[in-house]
Amino acid sequence: MKKLLPVVLIIISVNTYAQKIRLGFTTGVSIANYKAKMGDESESGKAKAGFTAGLLLDLPIGKHLSFQPAINFVQKGMKDEETVYNTTEKVKLTTNYIELPLNLLYNSRGRIGNFFIGAGPSMAVAISGKYKYSDGVNSTNENIKFGTGDDDMMKPVDLGANIVTGFALNNGLMFSVNFNAGLNDLAAQSSDDVSLRSNYVGIKLGYLLNTKRK
């Protein structure tokens, strides 16, 4: 009996902890851009709206802390338009990623809901992309080639730093905003004179399952 008691206590503890793990899903809008650097000059395009959706796990690691890994589909990109000598050039870049953010959150645990704020690293892997160009006469519409070869356009892996904040009601409804800044150079051919980095803001609605208060 004395040997069995510690095992029972461990099982109860693990079961109690597992009941607090919550699965959630989100959907919303991504507002993205790319920043290019050539020599001493850097330039950003205009922000482009896209779609994002995903699944997350909320794992409590204390009264106010939780670890929240997720898997998201995120559309990134940019657009730009410039008129020179009565010729208007338009550029649009759309890239689609599967993103894995790993956020550590502080949670307020309020009476009507939970304010949360946190940060963590992220890794995104490109699955497709498209580049469009038009000057009113000529146009280009081609798929992005991801890789590091001479014929490739962008590297396929985008490493980032993520900041997130939001509010989750006790009934499971959740609203969040996150900012993700790309850390690595996405230009296919590495160079000291040329670099390309991503950034986006995600505005999401979501729902957390298993939110019954104990």
C-alpha atoms as a PDB file:
ATOM      1  CA  MET A   1       0.000   0.000   0.000  1.00  0.00           C
ATOM      2  CA  LYS A   2       2.850   2.372   0.849  1.00  0.00           C
ATOM      3  CA  LYS A   3       4.432   1.684  -2.561  1.00  0.00           C
ATOM      4  CA  LEU A   4       1.117   2.142  -4.381  1.00  0.00           C
ATOM      5  CA  LEU A   5       0.260   5.531  -2.834  1.00  0.00           C
ATOM      6  CA  PRO A   6       2.989   7.570  -4.649  1.00  0.00           C
ATOM      7  CA  VAL A   7       1.888   6.048  -7.978  1.00  0.00           C
ATOM      8  CA  VAL A   8      -1.735   7.026  -7.319  1.00  0.00           C
ATOM      9  CA  LEU A   9      -0.687  10.570  -6.416  1.00  0.00           C
ATOM     10  CA  ILE A  10       1.339  10.874  -9.639  1.00  0.00           C
ATOM     11  CA  ILE A  11      -1.606   9.634 -11.729  1.00  0.00           C
ATOM     12  CA  ILE A  12      -3.966  12.118 -10.056  1.00  0.00           C
ATOM     13  CA  SER A  13      -1.479  14.948 -10.561  1.00  0.00           C
ATOM     14  CA  VAL A  14      -0.941  14.149 -14.258  1.00  0.00           C
ATOM     15  CA  ASN A  15      -4.695  13.821 -14.829  1.00  0.00           C
ATOM     16  CA  THR A  16      -5.375  17.177 -13.149  1.00  0.00           C
ATOM     17  CA  TYR A  17      -2.684  18.851 -15.230  1.00  0.00           C
ATOM     18  CA  ALA A  18      -3.964  17.269 -18.470  1.00  0.00           C
ATOM     19  CA  GLN A  19      -7.467  18.591 -17.772  1.00  0.00           C
ATOM     20  CA  LYS A  20      -6.052  22.117 -17.776  1.00  0.00           C
ATOM     21  CA  ILE A  21      -4.436  21.753 -21.219  1.00  0.00           C
ATOM     22  CA  ARG A  22      -6.611  23.527 -23.760  1.00  0.00           C
ATOM     23  CA  LEU A  23      -6.882  23.146 -27.519  1.00  0.00           C
ATOM     24  CA  GLY A  24      -7.822  26.205 -29.517  1.00  0.00           C
ATOM     25  CA  PHE A  25      -8.218  27.395 -33.077  1.00  0.00           C
ATOM     26  CA  THR A  26      -7.879  30.849 -34.616  1.00  0.00           C
ATOM     27  CA  THR A  27      -8.642  32.616 -37.857  1.00  0.00           C
ATOM     28  CA  GLY A  28      -8.090  36.155 -38.996  1.00  0.00           C
ATOM     29  CA  VAL A  29      -6.176  38.616 -41.126  1.00  0.00           C
ATOM     30  CA  SER A  30      -2.453  39.030 -41.679  1.00  0.00           C
ATOM     31  CA  ILE A  31      -1.135  42.471 -42.640  1.00  0.00           C
ATOM     32  CA  ALA A  32       2.295  41.787 -44.099  1.00  0.00           C
ATOM     33  CA  ASN A  33       5.251  43.497 -45.703  1.00  0.00           C
ATOM     34  CA  TYR A  34       8.820  42.869 -46.813  1.00  0.00           C
ATOM     35  CA  LYS A  35      11.835  45.103 -46.268  1.00  0.00           C
ATOM     36  CA  ALA A  36      14.579  45.002 -48.897  1.00  0.00           C
ATOM     37  CA  LYS A  37      18.082  46.360 -48.488  1.00  0.00           C
ATOM     38  CA  MET A  38      20.470  47.105 -51.341  1.00  0.00           C
ATOM     39  CA  GLY A  39      23.781  48.589 -50.311  1.00  0.00           C
ATOM     40  CA  ASP A  40      23.167  51.527 -48.015  1.00  0.00           C
ATOM     41  CA  GLU A  41      19.531  51.907 -49.084  1.00  0.00           C
ATOM     42  CA  SER A  42      16.551  50.075 -47.591  1.00  0.00           C
ATOM     43  CA  GLU A  43      12.959  50.165 -48.780  1.00  0.00           C
ATOM     44  CA  SER A  44       9.663  48.622 -47.745  1.00  0.00           C
ATOM     45  CA  GLY A  45       6.662  48.077 -49.933  1.00  0.00           C
ATOM     46  CA  LYS A  46       3.074  48.767 -48.984  1.00  0.00           C
ATOM     47  CA  ALA A  47       1.376  46.442 -46.523  1.00  0.00           C
ATOM     48  CA  LYS A  48      -0.696  43.658 -48.049  1.00  0.00           C
ATOM     49  CA  ALA A  49      -3.639  41.951 -46.345  1.00  0.00           C
ATOM     50  CA  GLY A  50      -3.824  38.170 -46.327  1.00  0.00           C
ATOM     51  CA  PHE A  51      -5.389  35.238 -44.486  1.00  0.00           C
ATOM     52  CA  THR A  52      -4.226  33.313 -41.433  1.00  0.00           C
ATOM     53  CA  ALA A  53      -5.658  30.374 -39.480  1.00  0.00           C
ATOM     54  CA  GLY A  54      -4.320  27.778 -37.112  1.00  0.00           C
ATOM     55  CA  LEU A  55      -4.460  25.470 -34.117  1.00  0.00           C
ATOM     56  CA  LEU A  56      -2.837  26.015 -30.728  1.00  0.00           C
ATOM     57  CA  LEU A  57      -2.258  24.264 -27.406  1.00  0.00           C
ATOM     58  CA  ASP A  58      -2.292  26.188 -24.132  1.00  0.00           C
ATOM     59  CA  LEU A  59      -0.229  24.364 -21.489  1.00  0.00           C
ATOM     60  CA  PRO A  60      -0.225  25.925 -17.995  1.00  0.00           C
ATOM     61  CA  ILE A  61       3.145  25.869 -16.225  1.00  0.00           C
ATOM     62  CA  GLY A  62       2.110  27.892 -13.185  1.00  0.00           C
ATOM     63  CA  LYS A  63      -0.685  30.106 -11.861  1.00  0.00           C
ATOM     64  CA  HIS A  64      -0.007  32.885 -14.352  1.00  0.00           C
ATOM     65  CA  LEU A  65       2.324  31.351 -16.944  1.00  0.00           C
ATOM     66  CA  SER A  66       1.557  29.089 -19.884  1.00  0.00           C
ATOM     67  CA  PHE A  67       3.399  27.695 -22.877  1.00  0.00           C
ATOM     68  CA  GLN A  68       1.509  28.042 -26.157  1.00  0.00           C
ATOM     69  CA  PRO A  69       2.822  26.282 -29.264  1.00  0.00           C
ATOM     70  CA  ALA A  70       0.780  26.589 -32.442  1.00  0.00           C
ATOM     71  CA  ILE A  71       0.693  25.613 -36.088  1.00  0.00           C
ATOM     72  CA  ASN A  72      -0.582  28.321 -38.435  1.00  0.00           C
ATOM     73  CA  PHE A  73      -1.166  28.978 -42.088  1.00  0.00           C
ATOM     74  CA  VAL A  74       0.013  32.539 -42.760  1.00  0.00           C
ATOM     75  CA  GLN A  75      -0.092  34.607 -45.931  1.00  0.00           C
ATOM     76  CA  LYS A  76       2.736  37.121 -46.171  1.00  0.00           C
ATOM     77  CA  GLY A  77       3.637  39.517 -48.963  1.00  0.00           C
ATOM     78  CA  MET A  78       3.763  43.111 -50.120  1.00  0.00           C
ATOM     79  CA  LYS A  79       2.548  45.366 -52.893  1.00  0.00           C
ATOM     80  CA  ASP A  80       3.798  48.570 -54.454  1.00  0.00           C
ATOM     81  CA  GLU A  81       2.846  51.049 -57.127  1.00  0.00           C
ATOM     82  CA  GLU A  82       4.891  53.808 -58.733  1.00  0.00           C
ATOM     83  CA  THR A  83       4.220  56.187 -61.621  1.00  0.00           C
ATOM     84  CA  VAL A  84       7.175  57.489 -63.644  1.00  0.00           C
ATOM     85  CA  TYR A  85       6.755  59.433 -66.897  1.00  0.00           C
ATOM     86  CA  ASN A  86       3.072  58.495 -67.208  1.00  0.00           C
ATOM     87  CA  THR A  87       3.876  54.813 -66.745  1.00  0.00           C
ATOM     88  CA  THR A  88       2.436  53.128 -63.661  1.00  0.00           C
ATOM     89  CA  GLU A  89       4.277  50.061 -62.453  1.00  0.00           C
ATOM     90  CA  LYS A  90       2.525  47.678 -60.064  1.00  0.00           C
ATOM     91  CA  VAL A  91       4.146  44.882 -58.088  1.00  0.00           C
ATOM     92  CA  LYS A  92       2.466  42.288 -55.858  1.00  0.00           C
ATOM     93  CA  LEU A  93       4.179  39.497 -53.936  1.00  0.00           C
ATOM     94  CA  THR A  94       2.168  36.812 -52.115  1.00  0.00           C
ATOM     95  CA  THR A  95       3.833  34.039 -50.101  1.00  0.00           C
ATOM     96  CA  ASN A  96       2.135  31.236 -48.164  1.00  0.00           C
ATOM     97  CA  TYR A  97       3.747  29.655 -45.096  1.00  0.00           C
ATOM     98  CA  ILE A  98       3.182  27.006 -42.467  1.00  0.00           C
ATOM     99  CA  GLU A  99       4.334  28.683 -39.269  1.00  0.00           C
ATOM    100  CA  LEU A 100       5.302  27.197 -35.894  1.00  0.00           C
ATOM    101  CA  PRO A 101       5.361  29.846 -33.121  1.00  0.00           C
ATOM    102  CA  LEU A 102       6.405  28.913 -29.567  1.00  0.00           C
ATOM    103  CA  ASN A 103       5.091  31.564 -27.178  1.00  0.00           C
ATOM    104  CA  LEU A 104       5.514  31.902 -23.430  1.00  0.00           C
ATOM    105  CA  LEU A 105       2.537  33.813 -21.997  1.00  0.00           C
ATOM    106  CA  TYR A 106       1.703  35.718 -18.837  1.00  0.00           C
ATOM    107  CA  ASN A 107      -2.012  35.362 -17.952  1.00  0.00           C
ATOM    108  CA  SER A 108      -3.961  37.676 -15.635  1.00  0.00           C
ATOM    109  CA  ARG A 109      -6.641  35.070 -14.726  1.00  0.00           C
ATOM    110  CA  GLY A 110      -9.401  37.644 -14.212  1.00  0.00           C
ATOM    111  CA  ARG A 111     -12.977  36.988 -13.099  1.00  0.00           C
ATOM    112  CA  ILE A 112     -14.602  37.425 -16.517  1.00  0.00           C
ATOM    113  CA  GLY A 113     -11.645  36.353 -18.599  1.00  0.00           C
ATOM    114  CA  ASN A 114      -7.939  36.326 -19.097  1.00  0.00           C
ATOM    115  CA  PHE A 115      -5.699  39.076 -20.436  1.00  0.00           C
ATOM    116  CA  PHE A 116      -2.500  37.591 -21.827  1.00  0.00           C
ATOM    117  CA  ILE A 117       0.777  38.873 -23.223  1.00  0.00           C
ATOM    118  CA  GLY A 118       3.855  37.009 -24.315  1.00  0.00           C
ATOM    119  CA  ALA A 119       6.581  36.354 -26.840  1.00  0.00           C
ATOM    120  CA  GLY A 120       8.655  33.624 -28.397  1.00  0.00           C
ATOM    121  CA  PRO A 121      10.487  32.402 -31.486  1.00  0.00           C
ATOM    122  CA  SER A 122       8.846  31.173 -34.673  1.00  0.00           C
ATOM    123  CA  MET A 123       9.799  29.166 -37.740  1.00  0.00           C
ATOM    124  CA  ALA A 124       7.852  29.380 -40.993  1.00  0.00           C
ATOM    125  CA  VAL A 125       8.289  27.120 -44.028  1.00  0.00           C
ATOM    126  CA  ALA A 126       7.167  28.366 -47.444  1.00  0.00           C
ATOM    127  CA  ILE A 127       4.675  26.193 -49.330  1.00  0.00           C
ATOM    128  CA  SER A 128       3.905  28.453 -52.301  1.00  0.00           C
ATOM    129  CA  GLY A 129       4.194  31.979 -53.609  1.00  0.00           C
ATOM    130  CA  LYS A 130       3.381  34.203 -56.571  1.00  0.00           C
ATOM    131  CA  TYR A 131       4.956  37.331 -58.050  1.00  0.00           C
ATOM    132  CA  LYS A 132       2.962  39.734 -60.237  1.00  0.00           C
ATOM    133  CA  TYR A 133       4.233  42.751 -62.188  1.00  0.00           C
ATOM    134  CA  SER A 134       2.511  45.109 -64.601  1.00  0.00           C
ATOM    135  CA  ASP A 135       3.379  48.418 -66.270  1.00  0.00           C
ATOM    136  CA  GLY A 136       0.122  48.773 -68.188  1.00  0.00           C
ATOM    137  CA  VAL A 137       1.588  47.170 -71.309  1.00  0.00           C
ATOM    138  CA  ASN A 138       3.708  44.264 -70.160  1.00  0.00           C
ATOM    139  CA  SER A 139       2.859  41.927 -67.316  1.00  0.00           C
ATOM    140  CA  THR A 140       4.491  39.062 -65.436  1.00  0.00           C
ATOM    141  CA  ASN A 141       2.753  36.425 -63.353  1.00  0.00           C
ATOM    142  CA  GLU A 142       4.997  33.652 -62.067  1.00  0.00           C
ATOM    143  CA  ASN A 143       5.375  31.283 -59.162  1.00  0.00           C
ATOM    144  CA  ILE A 144       8.065  31.957 -56.579  1.00  0.00           C
ATOM    145  CA  LYS A 145      10.929  29.467 -56.613  1.00  0.00           C
ATOM    146  CA  PHE A 146      12.105  28.752 -53.068  1.00  0.00           C
ATOM    147  CA  GLY A 147      15.639  27.567 -52.430  1.00  0.00           C
ATOM    148  CA  THR A 148      19.234  28.766 -52.438  1.00  0.00           C
ATOM    149  CA  GLY A 149      20.194  27.951 -56.025  1.00  0.00           C
ATOM    150  CA  ASP A 150      20.999  30.376 -58.837  1.00  0.00           C
ATOM    151  CA  ASP A 151      17.474  30.052 -60.286  1.00  0.00           C
ATOM    152  CA  ASP A 152      15.684  30.461 -56.956  1.00  0.00           C
ATOM    153  CA  MET A 153      14.104  33.686 -55.705  1.00  0.00           C
ATOM    154  CA  MET A 154      13.677  33.258 -51.932  1.00  0.00           C
ATOM    155  CA  LYS A 155      14.902  30.985 -49.155  1.00  0.00           C
ATOM    156  CA  PRO A 156      12.158  28.633 -47.942  1.00  0.00           C
ATOM    157  CA  VAL A 157      12.616  29.028 -44.153  1.00  0.00           C
ATOM    158  CA  ASP A 158      11.680  32.267 -42.383  1.00  0.00           C
ATOM    159  CA  LEU A 159      12.840  32.501 -38.749  1.00  0.00           C
ATOM    160  CA  GLY A 160      11.106  35.138 -36.643  1.00  0.00           C
ATOM    161  CA  ALA A 161      10.505  36.721 -33.262  1.00  0.00           C
ATOM    162  CA  ASN A 162       6.870  36.897 -32.180  1.00  0.00           C
ATOM    163  CA  ILE A 163       5.039  39.191 -29.732  1.00  0.00           C
ATOM    164  CA  VAL A 164       1.382  38.483 -28.895  1.00  0.00           C
ATOM    165  CA  THR A 165      -1.318  39.968 -26.675  1.00  0.00           C
ATOM    166  CA  GLY A 166      -5.045  39.500 -26.331  1.00  0.00           C
ATOM    167  CA  PHE A 167      -8.023  38.595 -24.191  1.00  0.00           C
ATOM    168  CA  ALA A 168      -9.819  35.268 -23.704  1.00  0.00           C
ATOM    169  CA  LEU A 169     -13.310  35.203 -22.190  1.00  0.00           C
ATOM    170  CA  ASN A 170     -14.280  32.429 -19.779  1.00  0.00           C
ATOM    171  CA  ASN A 171     -16.664  31.011 -22.400  1.00  0.00           C
ATOM    172  CA  GLY A 172     -13.687  30.309 -24.698  1.00  0.00           C
ATOM    173  CA  LEU A 173     -13.931  33.199 -27.164  1.00  0.00           C
ATOM    174  CA  MET A 174     -10.555  34.805 -27.750  1.00  0.00           C
ATOM    175  CA  PHE A 175      -9.176  37.898 -29.503  1.00  0.00           C
ATOM    176  CA  SER A 176      -5.473  38.357 -30.147  1.00  0.00           C
ATOM    177  CA  VAL A 177      -2.988  40.546 -31.994  1.00  0.00           C
ATOM    178  CA  ASN A 178       0.562  39.487 -32.777  1.00  0.00           C
ATOM    179  CA  PHE A 179       3.569  41.056 -34.478  1.00  0.00           C
ATOM    180  CA  ASN A 180       6.142  38.844 -36.141  1.00  0.00           C
ATOM    181  CA  ALA A 181       9.521  40.188 -37.287  1.00  0.00           C
ATOM    182  CA  GLY A 182      11.640  38.094 -39.620  1.00  0.00           C
ATOM    183  CA  LEU A 183      15.198  37.566 -38.406  1.00  0.00           C
ATOM    184  CA  ASN A 184      16.974  35.900 -41.315  1.00  0.00           C
ATOM    185  CA  ASP A 185      17.789  37.078 -44.822  1.00  0.00           C
ATOM    186  CA  LEU A 186      15.326  35.586 -47.311  1.00  0.00           C
ATOM    187  CA  ALA A 187      17.233  36.531 -50.478  1.00  0.00           C
ATOM    188  CA  ALA A 188      18.085  33.269 -52.251  1.00  0.00           C
ATOM    189  CA  GLN A 189      21.696  34.273 -52.879  1.00  0.00           C
ATOM    190  CA  SER A 190      23.343  35.564 -49.712  1.00  0.00           C
ATOM    191  CA  SER A 191      25.149  38.871 -50.099  1.00  0.00           C
ATOM    192  CA  ASP A 192      26.424  41.650 -47.878  1.00  0.00           C
ATOM    193  CA  ASP A 193      24.806  44.204 -50.203  1.00  0.00           C
ATOM    194  CA  VAL A 194      21.358  42.623 -50.666  1.00  0.00           C
ATOM    195  CA  SER A 195      18.928  41.320 -48.053  1.00  0.00           C
ATOM    196  CA  LEU A 196      15.190  40.694 -47.685  1.00  0.00           C
ATOM    197  CA  ARG A 197      13.235  40.337 -44.435  1.00  0.00           C
ATOM    198  CA  SER A 198       9.568  39.830 -43.635  1.00  0.00           C
ATOM    199  CA  ASN A 199       7.200  41.206 -41.022  1.00  0.00           C
ATOM    200  CA  TYR A 200       3.489  40.964 -40.379  1.00  0.00           C
ATOM    201  CA  VAL A 201       0.716  41.784 -37.926  1.00  0.00           C
ATOM    202  CA  GLY A 202      -1.906  39.117 -37.252  1.00  0.00           C
ATOM    203  CA  ILE A 203      -5.384  40.072 -36.021  1.00  0.00           C
ATOM    204  CA  LYS A 204      -7.291  36.958 -34.941  1.00  0.00           C
ATOM    205  CA  LEU A 205     -10.495  35.639 -33.441  1.00  0.00           C
ATOM    206  CA  GLY A 206     -10.413  32.224 -31.850  1.00  0.00           C
ATOM    207  CA  TYR A 207     -11.982  29.729 -29.512  1.00  0.00           C
ATOM    208  CA  LEU A 208     -10.422  27.742 -26.667  1.00  0.00           C
ATOM    209  CA  LEU A 209     -11.904  24.346 -25.820  1.00  0.00           C
ATOM    210  CA  ASN A 210     -12.033  22.903 -22.295  1.00  0.00           C
ATOM    211  CA  THR A 211     -12.464  26.332 -20.677  1.00  0.00           C
ATOM    212  CA  LYS A 212     -14.768  25.288 -17.835  1.00  0.00           C
ATOM    213  CA  ARG A 213     -13.536  26.936 -14.649  1.00  0.00           C
ATOM    214  CA  LYS A 214     -12.676  24.523 -11.877  1.00  0.00           C
END
